[in-house]
Amino acid sequence: MDNDKQAYWKANLALMLTLLSVWFFVSFVCGILAVDYLNQFRFFGYKLGFWFSQQGSIYVFVILIFIYVWRMNRLDKQYGVHEDDDT
C-alpha cells in the first residue's frame, strides 16, 4: 500500500515538474530571455516575443491547467484514488 502511495506521489510530482517546466520556458525564456530573437517573427500581426510576453504565456498557462486536470484524473483512476461520479 505504501508503494502505491509513493508511486502515485512520484507520478504527481513528475507531472507537476513537467508542466511547470513548460510554463517556465514559455513565460520566462520565450517572454523575456529570447524576446529579441523571437521579435523578428510575426504572429497575428504582432512580434512573436511581444505576443509570448503579453498573451502566449497566459494561454499556455490555461491550457496547462486543463492538461493537469486531465492527467490527474487518469492518475487517480490508475492508482484507485478517483472520486466516483454519482450523477
PDB file of N, CA and C in Angstrom:
ATOM      1  N   MET A   1       0.820  -1.200   0.000  1.00  0.00           N
ATOM      2  CA  MET A   1       0.000   0.000   0.000  1.00  0.00           C
ATOM      3  C   MET A   1       0.861   1.259   0.000  1.00  0.00           C
ATOM      4  N   ASP A   2       1.924   1.251   0.800  1.00  0.00           N
ATOM      5  CA  ASP A   2       2.812   2.409   0.831  1.00  0.00           C
ATOM      6  C   ASP A   2       3.532   2.597  -0.491  1.00  0.00           C
ATOM      7  N   ASN A   3       3.825   1.505  -1.190  1.00  0.00           N
ATOM      8  CA  ASN A   3       4.467   1.614  -2.502  1.00  0.00           C
ATOM      9  C   ASN A   3       3.548   2.301  -3.500  1.00  0.00           C
ATOM     10  N   ASP A   4       2.236   2.006  -3.427  1.00  0.00           N
ATOM     11  CA  ASP A   4       1.277   2.667  -4.311  1.00  0.00           C
ATOM     12  C   ASP A   4       1.204   4.161  -4.025  1.00  0.00           C
ATOM     13  N   LYS A   5       1.221   4.520  -2.747  1.00  0.00           N
ATOM     14  CA  LYS A   5       1.179   5.937  -2.382  1.00  0.00           C
ATOM     15  C   LYS A   5       2.428   6.660  -2.871  1.00  0.00           C
ATOM     16  N   GLN A   6       3.580   6.031  -2.724  1.00  0.00           N
ATOM     17  CA  GLN A   6       4.827   6.643  -3.183  1.00  0.00           C
ATOM     18  C   GLN A   6       4.853   6.757  -4.707  1.00  0.00           C
ATOM     19  N   ALA A   7       4.379   5.724  -5.396  1.00  0.00           N
ATOM     20  CA  ALA A   7       4.343   5.768  -6.861  1.00  0.00           C
ATOM     21  C   ALA A   7       3.378   6.845  -7.343  1.00  0.00           C
ATOM     22  N   TYR A   8       2.238   6.958  -6.675  1.00  0.00           N
ATOM     23  CA  TYR A   8       1.259   7.992  -7.021  1.00  0.00           C
ATOM     24  C   TYR A   8       1.863   9.385  -6.816  1.00  0.00           C
ATOM     25  N   TRP A   9       2.529   9.578  -5.682  1.00  0.00           N
ATOM     26  CA  TRP A   9       3.128  10.872  -5.382  1.00  0.00           C
ATOM     27  C   TRP A   9       4.245  11.205  -6.364  1.00  0.00           C
ATOM     28  N   LYS A  10       5.060  10.211  -6.708  1.00  0.00           N
ATOM     29  CA  LYS A  10       6.131  10.447  -7.683  1.00  0.00           C
ATOM     30  C   LYS A  10       5.563  10.805  -9.045  1.00  0.00           C
ATOM     31  N   ALA A  11       4.496  10.125  -9.451  1.00  0.00           N
ATOM     32  CA  ALA A  11       3.863  10.443 -10.735  1.00  0.00           C
ATOM     33  C   ALA A  11       3.275  11.843 -10.704  1.00  0.00           C
ATOM     34  N   ASN A  12       2.667  12.219  -9.582  1.00  0.00           N
ATOM     35  CA  ASN A  12       2.100  13.554  -9.428  1.00  0.00           C
ATOM     36  C   ASN A  12       3.198  14.610  -9.509  1.00  0.00           C
ATOM     37  N   LEU A  13       4.299  14.391  -8.796  1.00  0.00           N
ATOM     38  CA  LEU A  13       5.418  15.345  -8.832  1.00  0.00           C
ATOM     39  C   LEU A  13       6.031  15.447 -10.224  1.00  0.00           C
ATOM     40  N   ALA A  14       6.176  14.324 -10.896  1.00  0.00           N
ATOM     41  CA  ALA A  14       6.739  14.339 -12.253  1.00  0.00           C
ATOM     42  C   ALA A  14       5.848  15.147 -13.190  1.00  0.00           C
ATOM     43  N   LEU A  15       4.544  14.966 -13.064  1.00  0.00           N
ATOM     44  CA  LEU A  15       3.606  15.723 -13.895  1.00  0.00           C
ATOM     45  C   LEU A  15       3.707  17.214 -13.588  1.00  0.00           C
ATOM     46  N   MET A  16       3.718  17.570 -12.302  1.00  0.00           N
ATOM     47  CA  MET A  16       3.811  18.986 -11.929  1.00  0.00           C
ATOM     48  C   MET A  16       5.114  19.613 -12.413  1.00  0.00           C
ATOM     49  N   LEU A  17       6.224  18.904 -12.238  1.00  0.00           N
ATOM     50  CA  LEU A  17       7.504  19.454 -12.680  1.00  0.00           C
ATOM     51  C   LEU A  17       7.557  19.621 -14.199  1.00  0.00           C
ATOM     52  N   THR A  18       6.981  18.685 -14.909  1.00  0.00           N
ATOM     53  CA  THR A  18       6.938  18.796 -16.371  1.00  0.00           C
ATOM     54  C   THR A  18       6.129  20.013 -16.802  1.00  0.00           C
ATOM     55  N   LEU A  19       4.937  20.152 -16.241  1.00  0.00           N
ATOM     56  CA  LEU A  19       4.079  21.274 -16.622  1.00  0.00           C
ATOM     57  C   LEU A  19       4.659  22.609 -16.177  1.00  0.00           C
ATOM     58  N   LEU A  20       5.263  22.649 -15.001  1.00  0.00           N
ATOM     59  CA  LEU A  20       5.899  23.889 -14.556  1.00  0.00           C
ATOM     60  C   LEU A  20       7.107  24.244 -15.413  1.00  0.00           C
ATOM     61  N   SER A  21       7.805  23.233 -15.901  1.00  0.00           N
ATOM     62  CA  SER A  21       8.936  23.490 -16.800  1.00  0.00           C
ATOM     63  C   SER A  21       8.466  24.091 -18.109  1.00  0.00           C
ATOM     64  N   VAL A  22       7.365  23.576 -18.640  1.00  0.00           N
ATOM     65  CA  VAL A  22       6.803  24.139 -19.870  1.00  0.00           C
ATOM     66  C   VAL A  22       6.382  25.580 -19.638  1.00  0.00           C
ATOM     67  N   TRP A  23       5.709  25.822 -18.515  1.00  0.00           N
ATOM     68  CA  TRP A  23       5.260  27.176 -18.204  1.00  0.00           C
ATOM     69  C   TRP A  23       6.448  28.115 -18.036  1.00  0.00           C
ATOM     70  N   PHE A  24       7.494  27.659 -17.340  1.00  0.00           N
ATOM     71  CA  PHE A  24       8.698  28.471 -17.174  1.00  0.00           C
ATOM     72  C   PHE A  24       9.324  28.799 -18.527  1.00  0.00           C
ATOM     73  N   PHE A  25       9.423  27.796 -19.392  1.00  0.00           N
ATOM     74  CA  PHE A  25      10.031  28.013 -20.696  1.00  0.00           C
ATOM     75  C   PHE A  25       9.245  29.046 -21.502  1.00  0.00           C
ATOM     76  N   VAL A  26       7.932  28.886 -21.534  1.00  0.00           N
ATOM     77  CA  VAL A  26       7.108  29.790 -22.336  1.00  0.00           C
ATOM     78  C   VAL A  26       7.103  31.203 -21.748  1.00  0.00           C
ATOM     79  N   SER A  27       6.931  31.309 -20.433  1.00  0.00           N
ATOM     80  CA  SER A  27       6.801  32.646 -19.849  1.00  0.00           C
ATOM     81  C   SER A  27       8.141  33.343 -19.654  1.00  0.00           C
ATOM     82  N   PHE A  28       9.150  32.642 -19.170  1.00  0.00           N
ATOM     83  CA  PHE A  28      10.424  33.297 -18.866  1.00  0.00           C
ATOM     84  C   PHE A  28      11.372  33.294 -20.061  1.00  0.00           C
ATOM     85  N   VAL A  29      11.567  32.133 -20.652  1.00  0.00           N
ATOM     86  CA  VAL A  29      12.526  32.050 -21.763  1.00  0.00           C
ATOM     87  C   VAL A  29      11.974  32.748 -23.005  1.00  0.00           C
ATOM     88  N   CYS A  30      10.766  32.354 -23.422  1.00  0.00           N
ATOM     89  CA  CYS A  30      10.206  32.954 -24.642  1.00  0.00           C
ATOM     90  C   CYS A  30       9.752  34.396 -24.421  1.00  0.00           C
ATOM     91  N   GLY A  31       9.248  34.703 -23.226  1.00  0.00           N
ATOM     92  CA  GLY A  31       8.712  36.033 -22.964  1.00  0.00           C
ATOM     93  C   GLY A  31       9.744  37.049 -22.512  1.00  0.00           C
ATOM     94  N   ILE A  32      10.922  36.598 -22.036  1.00  0.00           N
ATOM     95  CA  ILE A  32      11.919  37.541 -21.522  1.00  0.00           C
ATOM     96  C   ILE A  32      13.288  37.328 -22.176  1.00  0.00           C
ATOM     97  N   LEU A  33      13.840  36.132 -22.024  1.00  0.00           N
ATOM     98  CA  LEU A  33      15.213  35.902 -22.482  1.00  0.00           C
ATOM     99  C   LEU A  33      15.360  35.892 -23.998  1.00  0.00           C
ATOM    100  N   ALA A  34      14.429  35.262 -24.675  1.00  0.00           N
ATOM    101  CA  ALA A  34      14.540  35.121 -26.134  1.00  0.00           C
ATOM    102  C   ALA A  34      13.655  36.104 -26.880  1.00  0.00           C
ATOM    103  N   VAL A  35      13.184  37.145 -26.194  1.00  0.00           N
ATOM    104  CA  VAL A  35      12.235  38.062 -26.816  1.00  0.00           C
ATOM    105  C   VAL A  35      12.836  38.775 -28.028  1.00  0.00           C
ATOM    106  N   ASP A  36      14.086  39.164 -27.961  1.00  0.00           N
ATOM    107  CA  ASP A  36      14.698  39.872 -29.094  1.00  0.00           C
ATOM    108  C   ASP A  36      14.786  38.977 -30.322  1.00  0.00           C
ATOM    109  N   TYR A  37      15.149  37.721 -30.120  1.00  0.00           N
ATOM    110  CA  TYR A  37      15.212  36.789 -31.248  1.00  0.00           C
ATOM    111  C   TYR A  37      13.813  36.520 -31.804  1.00  0.00           C
ATOM    112  N   LEU A  38      12.859  36.290 -30.928  1.00  0.00           N
ATOM    113  CA  LEU A  38      11.500  35.966 -31.375  1.00  0.00           C
ATOM    114  C   LEU A  38      10.801  37.149 -32.032  1.00  0.00           C
ATOM    115  N   ASN A  39      11.215  38.361 -31.718  1.00  0.00           N
ATOM    116  CA  ASN A  39      10.563  39.536 -32.290  1.00  0.00           C
ATOM    117  C   ASN A  39      10.798  39.682 -33.790  1.00  0.00           C
ATOM    118  N   GLN A  40      11.710  38.932 -34.350  1.00  0.00           N
ATOM    119  CA  GLN A  40      11.896  39.005 -35.801  1.00  0.00           C
ATOM    120  C   GLN A  40      10.807  38.235 -36.556  1.00  0.00           C
ATOM    121  N   PHE A  41       9.985  37.485 -35.844  1.00  0.00           N
ATOM    122  CA  PHE A  41       8.867  36.743 -36.430  1.00  0.00           C
ATOM    123  C   PHE A  41       7.558  37.406 -36.026  1.00  0.00           C
ATOM    124  N   ARG A  42       6.554  37.238 -36.859  1.00  0.00           N
ATOM    125  CA  ARG A  42       5.239  37.833 -36.594  1.00  0.00           C
ATOM    126  C   ARG A  42       4.213  36.732 -36.353  1.00  0.00           C
ATOM    127  N   PHE A  43       3.271  37.022 -35.442  1.00  0.00           N
ATOM    128  CA  PHE A  43       2.175  36.103 -35.132  1.00  0.00           C
ATOM    129  C   PHE A  43       0.912  36.935 -34.995  1.00  0.00           C
ATOM    130  N   PHE A  44      -0.036  36.752 -35.894  1.00  0.00           N
ATOM    131  CA  PHE A  44      -1.263  37.544 -35.940  1.00  0.00           C
ATOM    132  C   PHE A  44      -0.972  39.047 -35.985  1.00  0.00           C
ATOM    133  N   GLY A  45       0.078  39.415 -36.680  1.00  0.00           N
ATOM    134  CA  GLY A  45       0.416  40.816 -36.850  1.00  0.00           C
ATOM    135  C   GLY A  45       1.275  41.413 -35.749  1.00  0.00           C
ATOM    136  N   TYR A  46       1.561  40.644 -34.718  1.00  0.00           N
ATOM    137  CA  TYR A  46       2.383  41.144 -33.600  1.00  0.00           C
ATOM    138  C   TYR A  46       3.730  40.446 -33.611  1.00  0.00           C
ATOM    139  N   LYS A  47       4.721  41.110 -33.059  1.00  0.00           N
ATOM    140  CA  LYS A  47       6.024  40.472 -32.901  1.00  0.00           C
ATOM    141  C   LYS A  47       5.863  39.283 -31.954  1.00  0.00           C
ATOM    142  N   LEU A  48       6.481  38.166 -32.310  1.00  0.00           N
ATOM    143  CA  LEU A  48       6.273  36.924 -31.569  1.00  0.00           C
ATOM    144  C   LEU A  48       6.736  37.028 -30.111  1.00  0.00           C
ATOM    145  N   GLY A  49       7.850  37.657 -29.866  1.00  0.00           N
ATOM    146  CA  GLY A  49       8.320  37.823 -28.490  1.00  0.00           C
ATOM    147  C   GLY A  49       7.354  38.635 -27.655  1.00  0.00           C
ATOM    148  N   PHE A  50       6.836  39.706 -28.231  1.00  0.00           N
ATOM    149  CA  PHE A  50       5.836  40.525 -27.549  1.00  0.00           C
ATOM    150  C   PHE A  50       4.585  39.703 -27.282  1.00  0.00           C
ATOM    151  N   TRP A  51       4.157  38.926 -28.282  1.00  0.00           N
ATOM    152  CA  TRP A  51       2.955  38.108 -28.123  1.00  0.00           C
ATOM    153  C   TRP A  51       3.120  37.102 -26.984  1.00  0.00           C
ATOM    154  N   PHE A  52       4.285  36.438 -26.910  1.00  0.00           N
ATOM    155  CA  PHE A  52       4.517  35.483 -25.828  1.00  0.00           C
ATOM    156  C   PHE A  52       4.476  36.173 -24.473  1.00  0.00           C
ATOM    157  N   SER A  53       5.076  37.337 -24.371  1.00  0.00           N
ATOM    158  CA  SER A  53       5.119  38.003 -23.066  1.00  0.00           C
ATOM    159  C   SER A  53       3.761  38.563 -22.663  1.00  0.00           C
ATOM    160  N   GLN A  54       2.915  38.917 -23.623  1.00  0.00           N
ATOM    161  CA  GLN A  54       1.631  39.520 -23.285  1.00  0.00           C
ATOM    162  C   GLN A  54       0.461  38.537 -23.300  1.00  0.00           C
ATOM    163  N   GLN A  55       0.446  37.602 -24.231  1.00  0.00           N
ATOM    164  CA  GLN A  55      -0.703  36.720 -24.375  1.00  0.00           C
ATOM    165  C   GLN A  55      -0.345  35.240 -24.301  1.00  0.00           C
ATOM    166  N   GLY A  56       0.725  34.865 -24.959  1.00  0.00           N
ATOM    167  CA  GLY A  56       1.064  33.458 -25.112  1.00  0.00           C
ATOM    168  C   GLY A  56       1.251  32.722 -23.804  1.00  0.00           C
ATOM    169  N   SER A  57       1.930  33.354 -22.856  1.00  0.00           N
ATOM    170  CA  SER A  57       2.165  32.674 -21.585  1.00  0.00           C
ATOM    171  C   SER A  57       0.861  32.470 -20.816  1.00  0.00           C
ATOM    172  N   ILE A  58      -0.083  33.384 -20.963  1.00  0.00           N
ATOM    173  CA  ILE A  58      -1.387  33.232 -20.304  1.00  0.00           C
ATOM    174  C   ILE A  58      -2.161  32.088 -20.943  1.00  0.00           C
ATOM    175  N   TYR A  59      -2.180  32.029 -22.276  1.00  0.00           N
ATOM    176  CA  TYR A  59      -2.875  30.937 -22.965  1.00  0.00           C
ATOM    177  C   TYR A  59      -2.266  29.588 -22.614  1.00  0.00           C
ATOM    178  N   VAL A  60      -0.959  29.529 -22.601  1.00  0.00           N
ATOM    179  CA  VAL A  60      -0.282  28.273 -22.270  1.00  0.00           C
ATOM    180  C   VAL A  60      -0.602  27.868 -20.838  1.00  0.00           C
ATOM    181  N   PHE A  61      -0.635  28.824 -19.914  1.00  0.00           N
ATOM    182  CA  PHE A  61      -0.957  28.520 -18.525  1.00  0.00           C
ATOM    183  C   PHE A  61      -2.351  27.910 -18.410  1.00  0.00           C
ATOM    184  N   VAL A  62      -3.333  28.479 -19.087  1.00  0.00           N
ATOM    185  CA  VAL A  62      -4.699  27.946 -19.039  1.00  0.00           C
ATOM    186  C   VAL A  62      -4.744  26.545 -19.645  1.00  0.00           C
ATOM    187  N   ILE A  63      -4.053  26.334 -20.750  1.00  0.00           N
ATOM    188  CA  ILE A  63      -4.002  25.014 -21.366  1.00  0.00           C
ATOM    189  C   ILE A  63      -3.346  24.004 -20.426  1.00  0.00           C
ATOM    190  N   LEU A  64      -2.287  24.424 -19.731  1.00  0.00           N
ATOM    191  CA  LEU A  64      -1.609  23.541 -18.787  1.00  0.00           C
ATOM    192  C   LEU A  64      -2.515  23.150 -17.626  1.00  0.00           C
ATOM    193  N   ILE A  65      -3.406  24.034 -17.206  1.00  0.00           N
ATOM    194  CA  ILE A  65      -4.364  23.698 -16.152  1.00  0.00           C
ATOM    195  C   ILE A  65      -5.264  22.564 -16.615  1.00  0.00           C
ATOM    196  N   PHE A  66      -5.772  22.651 -17.839  1.00  0.00           N
ATOM    197  CA  PHE A  66      -6.636  21.593 -18.364  1.00  0.00           C
ATOM    198  C   PHE A  66      -5.867  20.277 -18.532  1.00  0.00           C
ATOM    199  N   ILE A  67      -4.633  20.361 -18.978  1.00  0.00           N
ATOM    200  CA  ILE A  67      -3.806  19.156 -19.102  1.00  0.00           C
ATOM    201  C   ILE A  67      -3.577  18.530 -17.732  1.00  0.00           C
ATOM    202  N   TYR A  68      -3.324  19.357 -16.725  1.00  0.00           N
ATOM    203  CA  TYR A  68      -3.105  18.842 -15.369  1.00  0.00           C
ATOM    204  C   TYR A  68      -4.345  18.110 -14.858  1.00  0.00           C
ATOM    205  N   VAL A  69      -5.510  18.705 -15.037  1.00  0.00           N
ATOM    206  CA  VAL A  69      -6.753  18.065 -14.591  1.00  0.00           C
ATOM    207  C   VAL A  69      -6.967  16.744 -15.315  1.00  0.00           C
ATOM    208  N   TRP A  70      -6.775  16.735 -16.620  1.00  0.00           N
ATOM    209  CA  TRP A  70      -6.964  15.518 -17.420  1.00  0.00           C
ATOM    210  C   TRP A  70      -6.008  14.418 -16.976  1.00  0.00           C
ATOM    211  N   ARG A  71      -4.722  14.764 -16.824  1.00  0.00           N
ATOM    212  CA  ARG A  71      -3.724  13.760 -16.430  1.00  0.00           C
ATOM    213  C   ARG A  71      -3.921  13.295 -14.987  1.00  0.00           C
ATOM    214  N   MET A  72      -4.305  14.194 -14.082  1.00  0.00           N
ATOM    215  CA  MET A  72      -4.539  13.792 -12.695  1.00  0.00           C
ATOM    216  C   MET A  72      -5.747  12.878 -12.584  1.00  0.00           C
ATOM    217  N   ASN A  73      -6.781  13.110 -13.378  1.00  0.00           N
ATOM    218  CA  ASN A  73      -7.915  12.187 -13.385  1.00  0.00           C
ATOM    219  C   ASN A  73      -7.476  10.795 -13.828  1.00  0.00           C
ATOM    220  N   ARG A  74      -6.605  10.733 -14.827  1.00  0.00           N
ATOM    221  CA  ARG A  74      -6.088   9.430 -15.265  1.00  0.00           C
ATOM    222  C   ARG A  74      -5.224   8.785 -14.189  1.00  0.00           C
ATOM    223  N   LEU A  75      -4.378   9.590 -13.526  1.00  0.00           N
ATOM    224  CA  LEU A  75      -3.550   9.049 -12.442  1.00  0.00           C
ATOM    225  C   LEU A  75      -4.409   8.571 -11.275  1.00  0.00           C
ATOM    226  N   ASP A  76      -5.438   9.328 -10.930  1.00  0.00           N
ATOM    227  CA  ASP A  76      -6.330   8.924  -9.850  1.00  0.00           C
ATOM    228  C   ASP A  76      -6.980   7.577 -10.140  1.00  0.00           C
ATOM    229  N   LYS A  77      -7.446   7.405 -11.368  1.00  0.00           N
ATOM    230  CA  LYS A  77      -8.058   6.122 -11.745  1.00  0.00           C
ATOM    231  C   LYS A  77      -7.024   5.007 -11.752  1.00  0.00           C
ATOM    232  N   GLN A  78      -5.830   5.302 -12.215  1.00  0.00           N
ATOM    233  CA  GLN A  78      -4.777   4.291 -12.282  1.00  0.00           C
ATOM    234  C   GLN A  78      -4.405   3.781 -10.892  1.00  0.00           C
ATOM    235  N   TYR A  79      -4.383   4.676  -9.904  1.00  0.00           N
ATOM    236  CA  TYR A  79      -3.985   4.287  -8.553  1.00  0.00           C
ATOM    237  C   TYR A  79      -5.176   4.066  -7.623  1.00  0.00           C
ATOM    238  N   GLY A  80      -6.377   4.114  -8.160  1.00  0.00           N
ATOM    239  CA  GLY A  80      -7.558   3.803  -7.378  1.00  0.00           C
ATOM    240  C   GLY A  80      -7.937   4.846  -6.343  1.00  0.00           C
ATOM    241  N   VAL A  81      -7.641   6.088  -6.591  1.00  0.00           N
ATOM    242  CA  VAL A  81      -7.994   7.148  -5.639  1.00  0.00           C
ATOM    243  C   VAL A  81      -8.966   8.172  -6.262  1.00  0.00           C
ATOM    244  N   HIS A  82      -9.617   7.787  -7.355  1.00  0.00           N
ATOM    245  CA  HIS A  82     -10.515   8.718  -8.025  1.00  0.00           C
ATOM    246  C   HIS A  82     -11.829   8.796  -7.277  1.00  0.00           C
ATOM    247  N   GLU A  83     -12.524   9.907  -7.508  1.00  0.00           N
ATOM    248  CA  GLU A  83     -13.849  10.101  -6.916  1.00  0.00           C
ATOM    249  C   GLU A  83     -14.871   9.474  -7.828  1.00  0.00           C
ATOM    250  N   ASP A  84     -15.821   8.790  -7.253  1.00  0.00           N
ATOM    251  CA  ASP A  84     -16.880   8.171  -8.050  1.00  0.00           C
ATOM    252  C   ASP A  84     -17.884   9.220  -8.460  1.00  0.00           C
ATOM    253  N   ASP A  85     -18.331   9.142  -9.703  1.00  0.00           N
ATOM    254  CA  ASP A  85     -19.380  10.048 -10.191  1.00  0.00           C
ATOM    255  C   ASP A  85     -20.722   9.407  -9.915  1.00  0.00           C
ATOM    256  N   ASP A  86     -21.517  10.037  -9.056  1.00  0.00           N
ATOM    257  CA  ASP A  86     -22.835   9.517  -8.727  1.00  0.00           C
ATOM    258  C   ASP A  86     -23.932  10.268  -9.456  1.00  0.00           C
ATOM    259  N   THR A  87     -23.601  10.932 -10.528  1.00  0.00           N
ATOM    260  CA  THR A  87     -24.596  11.716 -11.238  1.00  0.00           C
ATOM    261  C   THR A  87     -25.275  10.895 -12.289  1.00  0.00           C
TER     262      THR A  87
END
